Amino acid sequence: MIAHLQGKLVEKSPTQLIIDCGGVGYEVHISLHTYSLLPQTDFVKVFTYLQIKEDAHTIFGFFEKSEREIFKLLISVSGIGAGIARAMLSSLDPKQITNAIASGDVGTIQSIKGIGSKTAQRVILDLKDKILKLYDLDEVSMSLSNTNRDEALSALEVLGFVRKASEKVIERIVKEDPEASVESIIKQALKSL
């Protein structure tokens, strides 16, 4: 397996890179999260996952090792292929995905394009214990922050704000301050909406 690629960045787009390593150009598929973290230099190092199929060998690249580990966990779930796993990592950052899985937040997982209710539930069912153990998370604290987020979201909906816009703002607030109270989340969200 190819563990990482390091070399000259020849081409860069939001979905793929071409990295020149010793005169060989490797096409590497990436998520938007990795794209946003890439440095503005000609030299780059990405951690990789090589997927071998009957008709293709595809390299997926990740700026952080933790993102690669989450990708590997996601593709281990029945019904989640590399394309959907990459879409998940493009829609949410790795920490949001781990938090959603650990707290059993079906709505967040289901909000990703291509993920239905049953698939979201399967992801949580298959990965929750692994995520809690791997990242040494406490299930009680995860559900507490999830409850605060949900209560704040419900309050904003009652006030007439669009759910999708409110979710994005609340996710950002909770990411910056995981211990934020419901009132604090609502106040900050009202300033941003």
C-alpha atoms as a PDB file:
ATOM      1  CA  MET A   1       0.000   0.000   0.000  1.00  0.00           C
ATOM      2  CA  ILE A   2       1.070   3.585  -0.614  1.00  0.00           C
ATOM      3  CA  ALA A   3       1.057   5.302   2.817  1.00  0.00           C
ATOM      4  CA  HIS A   4       1.805   8.843   1.638  1.00  0.00           C
ATOM      5  CA  LEU A   5       2.922  10.857  -1.362  1.00  0.00           C
ATOM      6  CA  GLN A   6       5.344  13.726  -1.136  1.00  0.00           C
ATOM      7  CA  GLY A   7       6.408  15.829  -4.065  1.00  0.00           C
ATOM      8  CA  LYS A   8       5.765  18.748  -6.360  1.00  0.00           C
ATOM      9  CA  LEU A   9       2.155  19.844  -6.704  1.00  0.00           C
ATOM     10  CA  VAL A  10       1.555  19.966 -10.460  1.00  0.00           C
ATOM     11  CA  GLU A  11      -2.207  20.481 -10.535  1.00  0.00           C
ATOM     12  CA  LYS A  12      -4.823  21.252  -7.884  1.00  0.00           C
ATOM     13  CA  SER A  13      -8.624  21.307  -7.991  1.00  0.00           C
ATOM     14  CA  PRO A  14     -11.243  20.900  -5.247  1.00  0.00           C
ATOM     15  CA  THR A  15     -11.604  17.204  -6.068  1.00  0.00           C
ATOM     16  CA  GLN A  16      -8.134  16.063  -7.096  1.00  0.00           C
ATOM     17  CA  LEU A  17      -4.404  16.743  -7.124  1.00  0.00           C
ATOM     18  CA  ILE A  18      -1.607  15.679  -9.386  1.00  0.00           C
ATOM     19  CA  ILE A  19       1.621  15.213  -7.452  1.00  0.00           C
ATOM     20  CA  ASP A  20       4.957  14.690  -9.197  1.00  0.00           C
ATOM     21  CA  CYS A  21       7.034  12.202  -7.203  1.00  0.00           C
ATOM     22  CA  GLY A  22      10.381  11.504  -8.858  1.00  0.00           C
ATOM     23  CA  GLY A  23       9.073  12.156 -12.357  1.00  0.00           C
ATOM     24  CA  VAL A  24       5.847  10.163 -11.924  1.00  0.00           C
ATOM     25  CA  GLY A  25       2.595  12.123 -11.729  1.00  0.00           C
ATOM     26  CA  TYR A  26       0.064  10.605  -9.315  1.00  0.00           C
ATOM     27  CA  GLU A  27      -3.606  11.516  -9.590  1.00  0.00           C
ATOM     28  CA  VAL A  28      -4.952  11.802  -6.047  1.00  0.00           C
ATOM     29  CA  HIS A  29      -8.652  12.200  -5.236  1.00  0.00           C
ATOM     30  CA  ILE A  30      -9.276  14.535  -2.295  1.00  0.00           C
ATOM     31  CA  SER A  31     -12.114  15.933  -0.187  1.00  0.00           C
ATOM     32  CA  LEU A  32     -12.947  19.629   0.113  1.00  0.00           C
ATOM     33  CA  HIS A  33     -11.643  19.466   3.688  1.00  0.00           C
ATOM     34  CA  THR A  34      -8.188  18.435   2.452  1.00  0.00           C
ATOM     35  CA  TYR A  35      -8.354  21.019  -0.347  1.00  0.00           C
ATOM     36  CA  SER A  36      -9.010  23.768   2.207  1.00  0.00           C
ATOM     37  CA  LEU A  37      -5.981  22.716   4.295  1.00  0.00           C
ATOM     38  CA  LEU A  38      -3.441  22.483   1.474  1.00  0.00           C
ATOM     39  CA  PRO A  39      -0.582  24.981   1.796  1.00  0.00           C
ATOM     40  CA  GLN A  40       0.022  27.565  -0.908  1.00  0.00           C
ATOM     41  CA  THR A  41       3.361  25.987  -1.861  1.00  0.00           C
ATOM     42  CA  ASP A  42       4.582  23.862  -4.756  1.00  0.00           C
ATOM     43  CA  PHE A  43       5.675  21.073  -2.405  1.00  0.00           C
ATOM     44  CA  VAL A  44       3.008  18.914  -0.745  1.00  0.00           C
ATOM     45  CA  LYS A  45       2.676  15.779   1.367  1.00  0.00           C
ATOM     46  CA  VAL A  46      -0.599  13.862   1.606  1.00  0.00           C
ATOM     47  CA  PHE A  47      -1.474  10.676   3.443  1.00  0.00           C
ATOM     48  CA  THR A  48      -3.060   8.195   1.064  1.00  0.00           C
ATOM     49  CA  TYR A  49      -5.402   5.276   0.772  1.00  0.00           C
ATOM     50  CA  LEU A  50      -5.088   3.044  -2.303  1.00  0.00           C
ATOM     51  CA  GLN A  51      -8.330   1.455  -3.446  1.00  0.00           C
ATOM     52  CA  ILE A  52      -7.849  -1.497  -5.760  1.00  0.00           C
ATOM     53  CA  LYS A  53     -10.786  -2.635  -7.880  1.00  0.00           C
ATOM     54  CA  GLU A  54     -11.005  -4.926 -10.850  1.00  0.00           C
ATOM     55  CA  ASP A  55     -11.129  -2.007 -13.290  1.00  0.00           C
ATOM     56  CA  ALA A  56      -9.140   0.711 -11.475  1.00  0.00           C
ATOM     57  CA  HIS A  57      -6.531   1.595  -8.880  1.00  0.00           C
ATOM     58  CA  THR A  58      -7.575   4.842  -7.201  1.00  0.00           C
ATOM     59  CA  ILE A  59      -5.552   6.896  -4.739  1.00  0.00           C
ATOM     60  CA  PHE A  60      -7.383   9.008  -2.166  1.00  0.00           C
ATOM     61  CA  GLY A  61      -5.344  11.696  -0.415  1.00  0.00           C
ATOM     62  CA  PHE A  62      -5.763  13.362   2.957  1.00  0.00           C
ATOM     63  CA  PHE A  63      -3.895  16.267   4.500  1.00  0.00           C
ATOM     64  CA  GLU A  64      -4.370  14.828   7.999  1.00  0.00           C
ATOM     65  CA  LYS A  65      -3.889  11.230   9.141  1.00  0.00           C
ATOM     66  CA  SER A  66      -7.065  11.485  11.222  1.00  0.00           C
ATOM     67  CA  GLU A  67      -9.125  12.222   8.093  1.00  0.00           C
ATOM     68  CA  ARG A  68      -7.688   9.107   6.424  1.00  0.00           C
ATOM     69  CA  GLU A  69      -8.625   6.987   9.452  1.00  0.00           C
ATOM     70  CA  ILE A  70     -12.218   8.269   9.383  1.00  0.00           C
ATOM     71  CA  PHE A  71     -12.362   7.575   5.621  1.00  0.00           C
ATOM     72  CA  LYS A  72     -11.257   3.972   6.261  1.00  0.00           C
ATOM     73  CA  LEU A  73     -13.887   3.571   8.983  1.00  0.00           C
ATOM     74  CA  LEU A  74     -16.610   4.989   6.719  1.00  0.00           C
ATOM     75  CA  ILE A  75     -15.843   2.678   3.791  1.00  0.00           C
ATOM     76  CA  SER A  76     -15.973  -0.301   6.161  1.00  0.00           C
ATOM     77  CA  VAL A  77     -19.734   0.300   6.505  1.00  0.00           C
ATOM     78  CA  SER A  78     -21.928  -1.676   4.097  1.00  0.00           C
ATOM     79  CA  GLY A  79     -23.422   0.697   1.526  1.00  0.00           C
ATOM     80  CA  ILE A  80     -20.727   3.372   1.909  1.00  0.00           C
ATOM     81  CA  GLY A  81     -18.278   3.406  -0.964  1.00  0.00           C
ATOM     82  CA  ALA A  82     -15.217   5.581  -1.420  1.00  0.00           C
ATOM     83  CA  GLY A  83     -17.240   8.191  -3.362  1.00  0.00           C
ATOM     84  CA  ILE A  84     -19.828   8.625  -0.610  1.00  0.00           C
ATOM     85  CA  ALA A  85     -17.132   8.643   2.099  1.00  0.00           C
ATOM     86  CA  ARG A  86     -15.318  11.411   0.204  1.00  0.00           C
ATOM     87  CA  ALA A  87     -18.610  13.329  -0.164  1.00  0.00           C
ATOM     88  CA  MET A  88     -19.144  13.007   3.592  1.00  0.00           C
ATOM     89  CA  LEU A  89     -15.674  14.412   4.287  1.00  0.00           C
ATOM     90  CA  SER A  90     -16.353  17.214   1.795  1.00  0.00           C
ATOM     91  CA  SER A  91     -19.681  18.140   3.421  1.00  0.00           C
ATOM     92  CA  LEU A  92     -18.558  17.982   7.061  1.00  0.00           C
ATOM     93  CA  ASP A  93     -15.128  18.187   8.606  1.00  0.00           C
ATOM     94  CA  PRO A  94     -13.820  14.994  10.276  1.00  0.00           C
ATOM     95  CA  LYS A  95     -14.545  16.266  13.806  1.00  0.00           C
ATOM     96  CA  GLN A  96     -18.181  16.966  12.913  1.00  0.00           C
ATOM     97  CA  ILE A  97     -18.530  13.445  11.501  1.00  0.00           C
ATOM     98  CA  THR A  98     -16.994  11.801  14.562  1.00  0.00           C
ATOM     99  CA  ASN A  99     -19.161  13.917  16.881  1.00  0.00           C
ATOM    100  CA  ALA A 100     -22.319  13.100  14.900  1.00  0.00           C
ATOM    101  CA  ILE A 101     -21.556   9.370  14.946  1.00  0.00           C
ATOM    102  CA  ALA A 102     -20.553   9.351  18.623  1.00  0.00           C
ATOM    103  CA  SER A 103     -23.703  11.211  19.664  1.00  0.00           C
ATOM    104  CA  GLY A 104     -26.022   9.211  17.371  1.00  0.00           C
ATOM    105  CA  ASP A 105     -27.001  12.321  15.395  1.00  0.00           C
ATOM    106  CA  VAL A 106     -28.802  10.754  12.411  1.00  0.00           C
ATOM    107  CA  GLY A 107     -29.932  14.179  11.124  1.00  0.00           C
ATOM    108  CA  THR A 108     -26.391  15.478  10.608  1.00  0.00           C
ATOM    109  CA  ILE A 109     -25.255  12.317   8.807  1.00  0.00           C
ATOM    110  CA  GLN A 110     -28.443  12.269   6.727  1.00  0.00           C
ATOM    111  CA  SER A 111     -27.944  15.927   5.703  1.00  0.00           C
ATOM    112  CA  ILE A 112     -25.085  14.782   3.448  1.00  0.00           C
ATOM    113  CA  LYS A 113     -26.058  14.375  -0.203  1.00  0.00           C
ATOM    114  CA  GLY A 114     -26.443  10.705  -1.107  1.00  0.00           C
ATOM    115  CA  ILE A 115     -27.071   9.504   2.464  1.00  0.00           C
ATOM    116  CA  GLY A 116     -30.565   8.339   3.326  1.00  0.00           C
ATOM    117  CA  SER A 117     -32.086   7.586   6.700  1.00  0.00           C
ATOM    118  CA  LYS A 118     -31.236   3.864   6.702  1.00  0.00           C
ATOM    119  CA  THR A 119     -27.630   4.453   5.616  1.00  0.00           C
ATOM    120  CA  ALA A 120     -27.172   7.153   8.277  1.00  0.00           C
ATOM    121  CA  GLN A 121     -28.505   4.783  10.931  1.00  0.00           C
ATOM    122  CA  ARG A 122     -26.227   1.992   9.682  1.00  0.00           C
ATOM    123  CA  VAL A 123     -23.177   4.308   9.837  1.00  0.00           C
ATOM    124  CA  ILE A 124     -23.991   5.192  13.442  1.00  0.00           C
ATOM    125  CA  LEU A 125     -24.796   1.599  14.422  1.00  0.00           C
ATOM    126  CA  ASP A 126     -21.596   0.202  12.858  1.00  0.00           C
ATOM    127  CA  LEU A 127     -19.175   2.949  13.918  1.00  0.00           C
ATOM    128  CA  LYS A 128     -20.416   4.460  17.188  1.00  0.00           C
ATOM    129  CA  ASP A 129     -18.552   2.069  19.493  1.00  0.00           C
ATOM    130  CA  LYS A 130     -15.392   2.244  17.358  1.00  0.00           C
ATOM    131  CA  ILE A 131     -15.447   6.068  17.320  1.00  0.00           C
ATOM    132  CA  LEU A 132     -16.071   6.310  21.089  1.00  0.00           C
ATOM    133  CA  LYS A 133     -13.206   3.888  21.771  1.00  0.00           C
ATOM    134  CA  LEU A 134     -10.794   5.218  19.135  1.00  0.00           C
ATOM    135  CA  TYR A 135     -11.184   8.880  20.057  1.00  0.00           C
ATOM    136  CA  ASP A 136     -11.735   8.179  23.767  1.00  0.00           C
ATOM    137  CA  LEU A 137     -14.953  10.189  23.780  1.00  0.00           C
ATOM    138  CA  ASP A 138     -17.472  10.203  26.602  1.00  0.00           C
ATOM    139  CA  GLU A 139     -20.950   9.317  25.336  1.00  0.00           C
ATOM    140  CA  VAL A 140     -22.635  11.417  28.052  1.00  0.00           C
ATOM    141  CA  SER A 141     -20.804  14.635  27.111  1.00  0.00           C
ATOM    142  CA  MET A 142     -21.474  13.970  23.426  1.00  0.00           C
ATOM    143  CA  SER A 143     -25.212  13.668  24.005  1.00  0.00           C
ATOM    144  CA  LEU A 144     -25.202  16.771  26.232  1.00  0.00           C
ATOM    145  CA  SER A 145     -23.658  19.001  23.565  1.00  0.00           C
ATOM    146  CA  ASN A 146     -25.954  17.383  20.999  1.00  0.00           C
ATOM    147  CA  THR A 147     -28.988  18.242  23.160  1.00  0.00           C
ATOM    148  CA  ASN A 148     -27.895  21.887  23.467  1.00  0.00           C
ATOM    149  CA  ARG A 149     -27.412  22.063  19.703  1.00  0.00           C
ATOM    150  CA  ASP A 150     -30.821  20.488  19.028  1.00  0.00           C
ATOM    151  CA  GLU A 151     -32.626  22.769  21.487  1.00  0.00           C
ATOM    152  CA  ALA A 152     -30.998  25.852  19.965  1.00  0.00           C
ATOM    153  CA  LEU A 153     -31.917  24.670  16.470  1.00  0.00           C
ATOM    154  CA  SER A 154     -35.544  24.110  17.491  1.00  0.00           C
ATOM    155  CA  ALA A 155     -35.702  27.573  19.051  1.00  0.00           C
ATOM    156  CA  LEU A 156     -34.381  29.213  15.886  1.00  0.00           C
ATOM    157  CA  GLU A 157     -36.924  27.307  13.781  1.00  0.00           C
ATOM    158  CA  VAL A 158     -39.721  28.549  16.057  1.00  0.00           C
ATOM    159  CA  LEU A 159     -38.379  32.080  15.534  1.00  0.00           C
ATOM    160  CA  GLY A 160     -38.813  31.555  11.776  1.00  0.00           C
ATOM    161  CA  PHE A 161     -35.247  30.918  10.620  1.00  0.00           C
ATOM    162  CA  VAL A 162     -34.530  28.388   7.859  1.00  0.00           C
ATOM    163  CA  ARG A 163     -33.311  25.053   9.266  1.00  0.00           C
ATOM    164  CA  LYS A 164     -30.396  24.534   6.838  1.00  0.00           C
ATOM    165  CA  ALA A 165     -28.921  28.011   7.435  1.00  0.00           C
ATOM    166  CA  SER A 166     -29.425  27.669  11.193  1.00  0.00           C
ATOM    167  CA  GLU A 167     -27.710  24.251  11.250  1.00  0.00           C
ATOM    168  CA  LYS A 168     -24.582  25.626   9.569  1.00  0.00           C
ATOM    169  CA  VAL A 169     -24.337  28.565  11.969  1.00  0.00           C
ATOM    170  CA  ILE A 170     -24.957  26.390  15.039  1.00  0.00           C
ATOM    171  CA  GLU A 171     -22.383  23.799  13.916  1.00  0.00           C
ATOM    172  CA  ARG A 172     -19.778  26.550  13.636  1.00  0.00           C
ATOM    173  CA  ILE A 173     -20.655  27.896  17.102  1.00  0.00           C
ATOM    174  CA  VAL A 174     -20.587  24.447  18.736  1.00  0.00           C
ATOM    175  CA  LYS A 175     -17.298  23.648  16.977  1.00  0.00           C
ATOM    176  CA  GLU A 176     -15.713  26.818  18.427  1.00  0.00           C
ATOM    177  CA  ASP A 177     -17.209  26.276  21.901  1.00  0.00           C
ATOM    178  CA  PRO A 178     -18.400  22.688  22.553  1.00  0.00           C
ATOM    179  CA  GLU A 179     -19.500  23.622  26.099  1.00  0.00           C
ATOM    180  CA  ALA A 180     -21.755  26.509  24.972  1.00  0.00           C
ATOM    181  CA  SER A 181     -25.135  26.708  26.690  1.00  0.00           C
ATOM    182  CA  VAL A 182     -28.386  26.737  24.709  1.00  0.00           C
ATOM    183  CA  GLU A 183     -28.830  30.471  25.414  1.00  0.00           C
ATOM    184  CA  SER A 184     -25.277  31.254  24.317  1.00  0.00           C
ATOM    185  CA  ILE A 185     -25.697  29.276  21.077  1.00  0.00           C
ATOM    186  CA  ILE A 186     -28.985  31.083  20.279  1.00  0.00           C
ATOM    187  CA  LYS A 187     -27.540  34.543  21.015  1.00  0.00           C
ATOM    188  CA  GLN A 188     -24.492  33.938  18.823  1.00  0.00           C
ATOM    189  CA  ALA A 189     -26.627  32.428  16.055  1.00  0.00           C
ATOM    190  CA  LEU A 190     -28.990  35.433  16.029  1.00  0.00           C
ATOM    191  CA  LYS A 191     -25.990  37.704  15.430  1.00  0.00           C
ATOM    192  CA  SER A 192     -24.896  35.571  12.448  1.00  0.00           C
ATOM    193  CA  LEU A 193     -28.270  34.924  10.782  1.00  0.00           C
END
